[in-house]
Protein backbone atom coordinates (compact mmCIF):
# COMPACT_ATOMS: atom_id res chain seq x y z
CA MET A 1 105.76 96.32 84.96
CA VAL A 2 105.07 92.40 83.59
CA MET A 3 101.84 91.79 84.81
CA ASN A 4 101.40 87.60 85.64
CA ASN A 5 98.97 86.80 82.57
CA LYS A 6 99.97 82.75 82.61
CA THR A 7 96.75 80.44 81.47
CA LEU A 8 96.01 76.92 81.57
CA SER A 9 95.06 75.35 77.97
CA SER A 10 92.30 73.53 79.02
CA THR A 11 88.86 74.81 79.96
CA ASN A 12 88.92 72.12 82.71
CA LYS A 13 92.23 73.11 83.83
CA GLU A 14 90.99 76.96 83.76
CA GLU A 15 88.75 76.13 85.88
CA GLN A 16 91.45 74.48 88.52
CA ASN A 17 93.68 77.40 88.93
CA TYR A 18 91.29 80.00 87.96
CA GLY A 19 93.20 82.79 89.88
CA SER A 20 96.13 82.48 87.55
CA LYS A 21 95.12 84.38 84.59
CA LEU A 22 94.23 87.27 87.16
CA LYS A 23 96.57 90.75 87.83
CA TYR A 24 97.51 90.94 91.55
CA MET A 25 98.70 93.33 94.05
CA LEU A 26 100.18 91.69 96.84
CA CYS A 27 101.00 93.90 100.17
CA LYS A 28 101.61 93.34 103.60
CA ASP A 29 98.20 95.30 105.51
CA MET A 30 99.04 94.77 109.43
CA LEU A 31 102.35 93.68 111.16
CA ILE A 32 102.14 93.56 115.23
CA LEU A 33 105.14 92.61 116.93
CA ASN A 34 105.65 91.31 120.41
CA LEU A 35 108.78 92.69 122.19
CA ILE A 36 110.62 92.35 125.43
CA PRO A 37 113.42 94.33 127.10
CA LYS A 38 116.58 93.27 126.48
CA VAL A 39 117.59 92.71 130.06
CA LYS A 40 115.74 89.81 131.50
CA GLY A 41 113.47 90.08 134.30
CA THR A 42 113.05 94.34 133.71
CA VAL A 43 109.58 95.31 133.56
CA PHE A 44 108.96 97.91 130.92
CA ASN A 45 105.78 100.12 131.49
CA PHE A 46 104.48 103.85 131.01
CA ASN A 47 105.97 105.01 134.34
CA VAL A 48 109.65 103.98 131.97
CA PHE A 49 108.77 107.26 129.72
CA GLU A 50 107.82 109.47 132.86
CA LYS A 51 110.93 108.67 134.46
CA ASP A 52 113.71 108.19 131.68
CA PHE A 53 112.12 110.26 128.99
CA LYS A 54 111.95 114.18 129.67
CA PRO A 55 108.21 115.27 128.04
CA ASP A 56 108.00 118.67 126.11
CA THR A 57 104.95 121.27 127.43
CA MET A 58 102.13 119.19 125.02
CA GLY A 59 103.20 115.91 126.60
CA VAL A 60 105.35 114.97 123.75
CA TYR A 61 108.42 111.59 124.86
CA ASN A 62 111.22 112.58 122.51
CA ILE A 63 113.48 109.60 122.29
CA GLY A 64 116.40 109.57 119.63
CA ASN A 65 116.97 112.70 117.48
CA SER A 66 113.75 112.30 115.40
CA TYR A 67 111.23 110.12 116.66
CA THR A 68 107.96 111.49 118.90
CA LEU A 69 105.32 108.99 121.29
CA HIS A 70 102.34 110.42 122.78
CA GLN A 71 100.09 108.31 124.71
CA ILE A 72 96.67 108.13 122.75
CA ARG A 73 93.34 106.15 123.78
CA ILE A 74 91.92 103.63 121.99
CA PRO A 75 88.58 102.72 123.24
CA ASP A 76 88.12 99.09 123.09
CA SER A 77 91.11 98.03 122.18
CA GLY A 78 92.35 95.92 125.23
CA TYR A 79 95.41 97.96 126.14
CA ASN A 80 95.69 100.08 129.06
CA TYR A 81 98.62 102.22 127.42
CA SER A 82 99.35 102.69 123.44
CA LEU A 83 101.47 105.99 122.23
CA SER A 84 101.46 106.66 118.45
CA ILE A 85 104.75 106.94 117.17
CA ASN A 86 105.42 109.55 114.42
CA ARG A 87 109.50 110.70 113.08
CA SER A 88 110.00 114.13 110.89
CA GLY A 89 106.25 114.17 110.27
CA GLU A 90 105.45 110.56 109.18
CA HIS A 91 103.12 108.49 111.33
CA ILE A 92 104.73 105.08 112.13
CA GLY A 93 102.64 103.01 113.99
CA MET A 94 101.58 102.46 117.79
CA ILE A 95 103.37 101.02 120.78
CA HIS A 96 100.78 99.21 123.25
CA LEU A 97 101.30 98.60 126.71
CA ASN A 98 100.33 96.38 129.25
CA GLY A 99 97.36 94.82 127.05
CA ARG A 100 94.79 93.33 129.26
CA GLY A 101 94.78 89.16 129.48
CA TYR A 102 98.44 89.22 128.95
CA ARG A 103 101.51 88.97 130.92
CA TYR A 104 102.41 92.37 133.12
CA GLY A 105 104.98 94.24 130.39
CA LEU A 106 104.28 92.47 127.14
CA ILE A 107 104.68 95.30 124.43
CA LYS A 108 103.82 95.12 120.87
CA LEU A 109 105.18 97.11 117.76
CA GLU A 110 102.42 98.08 115.54
CA PHE A 111 103.18 99.64 112.41
CA ALA A 112 101.15 101.96 110.25
CA ASN A 113 98.67 100.35 107.60
CA GLU A 114 99.96 103.44 104.86
CA GLY A 115 103.60 102.91 105.03
CA PHE A 116 103.59 99.67 103.76
CA TYR A 117 102.18 101.31 100.25
CA HIS A 118 104.51 104.07 99.87
CA ASP A 119 108.17 103.43 98.91
CA SER A 120 109.80 105.78 101.55
CA PHE A 121 108.68 103.55 104.87
CA GLY A 122 111.80 101.57 105.92
CA TRP A 123 109.29 99.66 108.32
CA HIS A 124 112.23 97.09 109.33
CA GLN A 125 114.89 99.47 110.23
CA HIS A 126 112.05 101.63 111.82
CA HIS A 127 111.87 98.57 114.19
CA LEU A 128 115.51 98.21 114.53
CA ASN A 129 115.77 101.66 116.07
CA ILE A 130 112.74 101.81 117.95
CA CYS A 131 114.06 98.56 119.82
CA GLU A 132 117.86 100.12 120.36
CA LEU A 133 116.56 103.42 121.26
CA LEU A 134 113.82 101.71 124.53
CA GLY A 135 116.02 98.62 125.19
CA LEU A 136 113.86 96.36 123.60
CA LYS A 137 114.39 93.60 121.26
CA LEU A 138 112.14 91.31 119.34
CA GLY A 139 110.20 88.17 120.95
CA ASN A 140 108.35 86.85 117.96
CA ILE A 141 105.59 88.29 115.43
CA SER A 142 102.28 88.53 116.86
CA VAL A 143 100.28 89.87 114.10
CA LEU A 144 100.74 89.17 110.42
CA HIS A 145 98.06 90.55 107.13
CA ILE A 146 98.80 89.74 103.41
CA ALA A 147 96.63 90.83 101.05
CA LEU A 148 95.98 90.08 97.27
CA ASP A 149 94.05 92.22 96.09
CA SER A 150 92.24 91.42 92.20
CA THR A 151 89.06 91.08 90.72
CA GLY A 152 86.86 88.64 90.13
CA LEU A 153 87.73 86.75 92.86
CA PHE A 154 84.65 87.56 95.14
CA GLU A 155 82.73 86.45 92.60
CA TRP A 156 84.02 82.82 91.77
CA TYR A 157 84.23 82.01 95.22
CA GLU A 158 80.65 83.34 95.89
CA THR A 159 79.31 81.33 92.99
CA LYS A 160 80.79 78.34 93.46
CA TYR A 161 78.90 78.86 97.58
CA PHE A 162 75.81 78.84 96.63
CA LYS A 163 76.15 76.02 94.52
CA SER A 164 77.68 74.03 97.17
CA THR A 165 76.81 72.12 99.71
CA MET A 166 76.97 75.06 102.14
CA ASN A 167 73.17 76.07 100.05
CA PRO A 168 70.79 73.86 101.74
CA THR A 169 68.42 74.48 99.62
CA LEU A 170 70.29 72.09 97.09
CA GLN A 171 68.87 68.83 96.28
CA ASN A 172 72.36 67.90 94.35
CA PRO A 173 75.04 70.46 95.09
CA GLU A 174 77.86 70.45 92.50
CA TYR A 175 80.56 71.62 94.91
CA GLU A 176 81.78 71.06 98.14
CA PRO A 177 84.02 74.07 99.84
CA PHE A 178 87.24 73.12 101.26
CA GLY A 179 88.60 74.18 104.55
CA ASN A 180 86.99 75.09 108.15
CA ILE A 181 84.34 77.56 106.11
CA LYS A 182 81.94 79.60 107.90
CA PRO A 183 78.82 81.35 106.00
CA LEU A 184 78.56 84.26 104.35
CA ASN A 185 78.32 86.93 107.00
CA LEU A 186 76.44 90.02 107.59
CA ALA A 187 79.76 92.04 106.38
CA GLY A 188 79.59 90.08 103.21
CA GLU A 189 82.75 88.23 104.15
CA PHE A 190 83.70 84.42 103.46
CA ILE A 191 86.23 83.40 106.25
CA VAL A 192 87.92 79.83 106.41
CA GLY A 193 89.73 78.64 109.52
CA LYS A 194 89.31 79.42 112.89
CA GLN A 195 91.36 82.17 115.22
CA THR A 196 92.71 79.12 117.87
CA SER A 197 94.94 77.68 114.73
CA GLY A 198 96.45 80.81 114.50
CA LYS A 199 95.67 81.46 110.33
CA VAL A 200 91.98 82.99 109.29
CA ILE A 201 91.43 84.39 105.31
CA ALA A 202 88.96 86.34 104.21
CA LEU A 203 87.67 86.95 100.76
CA TYR A 204 85.92 90.03 100.13
CA GLY A 205 84.73 93.37 98.37
CA LYS A 206 87.81 96.22 98.60
CA SER A 207 86.46 99.07 96.85
CA PRO A 208 82.85 99.68 99.56
CA GLU A 209 85.61 99.09 102.18
CA ILE A 210 87.76 101.57 101.32
CA LYS A 211 85.26 104.10 100.28
CA HIS A 212 84.14 103.73 104.13
CA SER A 213 87.56 104.23 105.21
CA GLY A 214 88.81 107.03 103.13
CA LYS A 215 92.48 104.78 102.40
CA ASP A 216 92.83 106.66 99.43
CA TYR A 217 96.35 105.27 99.26
CA VAL A 218 95.20 102.08 98.43
CA THR A 219 93.10 103.28 95.35
CA LYS A 220 96.69 105.01 94.08
CA ALA A 221 98.18 101.86 94.67
CA HIS A 222 95.62 99.73 92.78
CA LEU A 223 95.95 102.38 89.85
CA LEU A 224 100.08 101.82 90.31
CA ASN A 225 99.72 98.15 90.22
CA GLY A 226 97.18 98.06 87.03
CA LEU A 227 94.30 96.98 88.67
CA ASP A 228 90.98 97.99 86.74
CA LEU A 229 89.30 99.57 89.73
CA GLY A 230 85.75 99.84 87.31
CA LYS A 231 85.53 95.82 87.76
CA GLY A 232 85.74 96.70 91.66
CA ILE A 233 88.62 95.50 93.82
CA ASP A 234 88.50 92.35 95.66
CA ARG A 235 90.58 91.31 98.72
CA LEU A 236 91.87 87.81 99.38
CA GLU A 237 93.50 87.76 103.10
CA ALA A 238 95.75 85.87 105.20
CA ARG A 239 95.16 86.98 108.84
CA LEU A 240 97.99 85.20 110.53
CA GLY A 241 98.94 85.37 114.50
CA THR A 242 101.94 83.65 116.38
CA LYS A 243 100.39 80.30 116.34
CA TRP A 244 100.51 79.70 113.09
CA LEU A 245 103.36 81.57 112.15
CA ASN A 246 105.74 79.79 115.04
CA ARG A 247 104.58 76.61 113.51
CA ASN A 248 106.04 77.22 109.94
CA GLY A 249 109.05 78.75 110.99
CA ILE A 250 108.16 82.76 109.41
CA SER A 251 111.05 84.71 110.53
CA LEU A 252 110.96 88.36 110.12
CA GLU A 253 113.44 88.24 107.54
CA ASP A 254 110.77 86.36 105.37
CA LEU A 255 108.73 89.56 105.27
CA THR A 256 111.43 91.91 104.16
CA THR A 257 111.08 90.48 100.59
CA GLN A 258 108.15 90.17 98.29
CA GLU A 259 109.09 86.74 97.11
CA GLY A 260 109.17 85.91 101.36
CA LEU A 261 105.68 87.13 101.06
CA GLU A 262 104.50 85.26 98.43
CA ARG A 263 105.95 81.61 100.24
CA ILE A 264 104.04 82.78 102.89
CA PHE A 265 100.34 83.57 101.35
CA ALA A 266 100.93 80.54 99.30
CA LYS A 267 101.02 78.55 102.11
CA ALA A 268 98.46 79.98 103.63
CA ILE A 269 95.66 80.05 101.24
CA SER A 270 96.06 76.71 100.16
CA SER A 271 92.67 75.98 101.85
CA VAL A 272 90.53 78.16 100.30
CA GLY A 273 88.62 76.43 97.16
CA PHE A 274 86.23 73.57 96.41
CA LYS A 275 85.62 69.97 95.80
CA ASN A 276 83.95 69.35 92.01
CA LEU A 277 81.78 66.69 93.08
CA LEU A 278 80.18 66.50 89.44
CA LEU A 279 84.01 64.62 88.34
CA PRO A 280 85.48 61.71 89.35
CA LYS A 281 87.15 60.99 91.76
CA VAL A 282 91.15 61.21 90.74
CA ARG A 283 94.29 59.69 93.38
CA ASP A 284 95.48 62.65 95.12
CA ARG A 285 99.63 62.90 95.86
CA ASN A 286 99.25 60.69 99.23
CA ASP A 287 97.45 58.02 96.77
CA HIS A 288 94.15 58.63 97.72
CA TYR A 289 91.14 59.47 95.70
CA ASP A 290 89.06 62.63 96.38
CA TYR A 291 87.33 64.91 94.27
CA VAL A 292 89.20 67.20 92.06
CA ARG A 293 90.31 70.08 94.14
CA LEU A 294 89.45 73.72 93.00
CA PRO A 295 91.26 75.98 94.40
CA LEU A 296 90.50 79.74 93.93
CA ILE A 297 94.25 80.27 94.21
CA CYS A 298 96.51 77.38 93.38
CA PRO A 299 99.63 77.84 95.87
CA THR A 300 101.88 75.57 93.10
CA THR A 301 101.65 78.39 90.34
CA PHE A 302 101.09 81.25 92.06
CA ASP A 303 103.11 84.46 91.46
CA THR A 304 102.94 87.89 91.82
CA PRO A 305 104.50 90.44 90.46
CA PRO A 306 107.13 93.10 92.18
CA LEU A 307 105.03 95.56 93.84
CA ASN A 308 104.68 99.09 92.81
CA LYS A 309 104.73 101.52 95.72
CA ILE A 310 103.56 104.97 96.08
CA VAL A 311 106.57 107.43 95.24
CA LYS A 312 106.83 110.67 97.27
CA ASP A 313 107.04 113.87 95.00
CA LYS A 314 110.27 115.64 95.59
CA GLY A 315 108.41 118.97 97.25
CA GLN A 316 105.64 116.00 99.48
CA THR A 317 106.10 116.41 103.00
CA GLY A 318 104.33 113.42 104.03
CA LYS A 319 101.56 115.01 104.10
CA ARG A 320 98.36 112.85 104.95
CA SER A 321 95.37 113.29 103.23
CA GLU A 322 92.98 115.27 105.03
CA ARG A 323 90.60 112.86 105.58
CA ALA A 324 93.20 110.78 107.79
CA ILE A 325 93.83 114.36 109.74
CA THR A 326 90.16 115.09 110.79
CA ASN A 327 89.78 110.87 111.64
CA ARG A 328 92.94 111.30 113.97
CA PHE A 329 91.36 114.77 115.22
CA LYS A 330 88.31 113.38 115.89
CA GLY A 331 89.58 110.17 118.03
CA LEU A 332 91.45 112.85 119.81
CA PHE A 333 88.37 115.16 120.56
CA ASP A 334 86.29 111.85 121.43
CA ASP A 335 89.20 110.89 123.99
CA TYR A 336 89.41 114.51 125.67
CA ILE A 337 85.61 114.90 125.64
CA GLU A 338 85.20 111.22 127.62
CA THR A 339 88.01 111.35 129.98
CA GLY A 340 89.25 115.13 130.36
CA ARG A 341 92.56 114.25 130.40
CA LEU A 342 94.85 117.53 130.28
CA GLN A 343 97.15 115.63 128.65
CA VAL A 344 95.34 114.59 125.32
CA LEU A 345 93.39 118.43 125.63
CA ASN A 346 97.68 119.47 125.11
CA PHE A 347 98.49 116.99 122.74
CA ILE A 348 95.58 118.30 120.74
CA LYS A 349 97.10 121.70 120.75
CA PHE A 350 100.07 120.11 119.44
CA TYR A 351 98.59 118.37 116.69
CA MET A 352 96.59 121.36 115.27
CA SER A 353 99.68 122.91 115.27
CA CYS A 354 102.32 121.17 113.28
CA GLU A 355 102.85 121.66 109.79
CA GLU A 356 101.83 118.58 108.28
CA ASN A 357 98.46 118.72 110.12
CA PHE A 358 97.18 121.64 108.46
CA LEU A 359 94.10 121.68 106.75
CA VAL A 360 95.11 123.67 103.77
CA THR A 361 94.35 123.04 100.29
CA GLN A 362 95.79 123.08 96.90
CA ASP A 363 92.39 126.04 96.23
CA ASP A 364 93.64 127.87 99.57
CA ILE A 365 96.92 128.08 98.16
CA TYR A 366 95.69 129.66 95.04
CA HIS A 367 93.21 131.43 96.39
CA ASN A 368 95.73 133.06 98.99
CA ARG A 369 99.03 134.05 97.33
CA VAL A 370 99.70 135.65 101.01
CA PHE A 371 98.21 134.04 103.63
CA ASP A 372 99.11 132.67 107.15
CA ALA A 373 98.16 128.66 106.67
CA ASN A 374 98.45 128.30 110.16
CA GLU A 375 95.71 130.84 110.97
CA LEU A 376 94.07 129.15 107.86
CA SER A 377 94.04 125.96 108.99
CA MET A 378 93.00 126.98 112.98
CA ALA A 379 89.72 128.65 111.52
CA LYS A 380 89.01 124.93 109.95
CA TYR A 381 89.75 122.89 113.27
CA ARG A 382 87.33 125.25 115.11
CA THR A 383 84.82 124.39 112.41
CA LEU A 384 85.08 120.79 113.03
CA VAL A 385 84.74 121.38 116.49
CA ARG A 386 82.04 123.21 116.21
CA ARG A 387 80.72 120.14 114.35
CA TYR A 388 81.77 117.61 116.76
CA VAL A 389 80.30 119.65 119.67
CA LYS A 390 77.17 119.40 118.09
CA SER A 391 76.77 115.76 116.58
CA TYR A 392 77.89 114.97 120.28
CA THR A 393 75.27 116.50 121.63
CA LYS A 394 72.69 115.29 119.32
CA ASP A 395 73.49 111.68 119.25
CA ARG A 396 74.41 111.01 123.08
CA LYS A 397 71.24 110.90 124.77
CA VAL A 398 73.39 109.96 128.47
CA ILE A 399 75.39 112.48 129.88
CA ASN A 400 77.04 113.87 133.13
CA ASN A 401 78.15 116.97 133.97
CA ALA A 402 81.42 116.93 133.73
CA LEU A 403 80.56 116.06 130.43
CA LEU A 404 78.56 118.75 129.75
CA GLY A 405 81.19 121.15 130.86
CA ARG A 406 83.79 119.94 128.47
CA LEU A 407 81.67 120.41 125.79
CA LYS A 408 81.04 124.01 126.44
CA GLY A 409 84.52 124.73 127.19
CA ILE A 410 86.32 123.08 125.01
CA GLU A 411 86.31 125.61 121.81
CA GLU A 412 87.68 128.48 124.49
CA LYS A 413 90.45 126.14 125.60
CA LEU A 414 91.91 125.27 122.44
CA PHE A 415 91.18 128.53 120.37
CA LYS A 416 91.49 130.91 123.86
CA ILE A 417 88.46 132.65 122.25
CA ASP A 418 84.83 133.45 123.64
CA ASN A 419 82.25 130.42 122.69
CA SER A 420 79.57 131.87 124.33
CA GLU A 421 77.46 131.94 121.46
CA LEU A 422 78.57 127.44 120.88
CA ALA A 423 78.12 126.91 125.08
CA SER A 424 74.40 128.32 124.33
CA GLU A 425 73.53 125.94 121.56
CA ILE A 426 74.28 123.24 123.85
CA THR A 427 71.12 122.52 125.81
CA ILE A 428 70.12 119.43 128.26
CA ASP A 429 67.03 119.29 126.30
CA ASN A 430 66.18 115.29 126.13
CA TRP A 431 69.19 114.58 128.17
CA LYS A 432 69.27 112.21 131.10
CA ILE A 433 71.64 114.42 133.50
CA LEU A 434 73.83 112.07 135.60
CA SER A 435 76.48 112.93 138.11
CA ALA A 436 79.90 111.55 138.05
CA THR A 437 79.20 108.91 141.30
CA SER A 438 75.75 107.64 139.57
CA LEU A 439 77.14 107.32 135.83
CA THR A 440 79.12 104.04 136.74
CA SER A 441 76.89 102.29 138.26
CA ILE A 442 74.05 102.34 135.71
CA SER A 443 76.08 102.71 132.89
CA THR A 444 75.65 98.89 132.03
CA SER A 445 72.03 99.32 131.52
CA VAL A 446 71.93 102.68 129.17
C-alpha cells in the first residue's frame, strides 16, 4: 500500500498544509437512507410485517431466502419500531419505522457500522435487495458520516485553539479559527458547524473511544492501514445530513467509491482551521485581503490511499467479537426486564441458540476437544444473566412489582431450570416498591 507522504518545501507551507504529511484512513462510519414505498400512497408500518410475512415461533420475520428481521427496542432513539436485519449470520443493520417528529410511515435503513470496515460487506447490494423484497425505493440520504483517522490532528488543532481568540485569557492571540466553532466540550471534542446547516465537523481522540465502545474491528483496520497505534489515533469526522447532501448534489453512487468519499470529505472539511494573525494579510481568490489560512487538512491537495479492509479467514463464519455479542445480549436483557414483552423473551432464546452468537473461545475448544458448544455457551449465558440480575438490583433504587417478578423469573424462563437460589438473592431492601399504576404518575420525579 502506498501511503500519502507528500510534503511542501518551506516551513510556512508545511504549517499551511499540516495534514499533507500524515498517514490517513478514510472510511464511511455511518449511513442512514430514507426509503419510501414504490407505490405512491402506500402506508408502510409494522402492521405490514404482521400481515404479509409469516413469523417463525421465535418472533423472527423471514424475507426472501436469506434475510431475517426481528423487532428490537432502542430506548430514547425516537423510533416507535426498529427491526434488526441479518443475513446468514451477518448483521446488516436496522430498519426504523415511524420516528417521532416525522411524517407517518417514514422508513430509515441504517447500516451496521462494523460492516464498512470489512471487505465482504456489500452495503449497496443489501440496500437494493431489501428495497426489492419490501417494495421500497430510495428517497434520499438521511445521514452520512465520513471519518478520517490519523495521528497528531487533535494536538495540532488544540495547540492553536488555546493560542487563538477562543482563549479569553490571551491579550494578543496568534490565531483566529474559521468556521462556526464551539468551545472544547466536556466529551473532549472540537465541534465546527451547526446541526441545522446539515454539516457538523467533529475532531476527537478515537483511541479512548474505541476502548470504551469495544470496537476492536476499528483497531484492526488501523493496523491494516499503517497507522501508529502507539501515538494514539485521532478522528476528524464529517457528520452530514440531508440538507447539506442535497444542496451539494451528493448521490448514493458517490458513496460507492473511495474517490467519491474523498471528494465529499474534502468539500466538507474546508471550514476546519485557523487564520494566522501574525502574518501579513494576502489577497484571497476573491481578490479580498485576509489573513493566511491554515487548514487542518487542505482540501485542494487532500489525497488518501485506498482503504485496506478486514478480510475474513476462509474458515471464519462472520462471528462477531464476544464483547459485541454480550453487549447485544445485555440490551435484549434490559429490554425484556423493562417491558416484559413475550416477543423479546422469545428472541433472546433464539439469539442464544444461533451458532454465530455462541460464547465459545479458542481456549474452550482446546481444553474441551469433545464438547457440546451449545451447552457450553448456554452455561456462559446463564452466568451473564445472573450477573445482570444482581447488578440491576444493586443499581436500581426504584422498581415495580411486575419488574421484580421478571427479574426473579428470567433464569427459569430462559434456561428451564430451578432458579430459587437466584430468586432468594433478589431482595427488596432499600428499594421503593411501586405499583404498576403509580409508577407512571411519579416517573418524572424519580
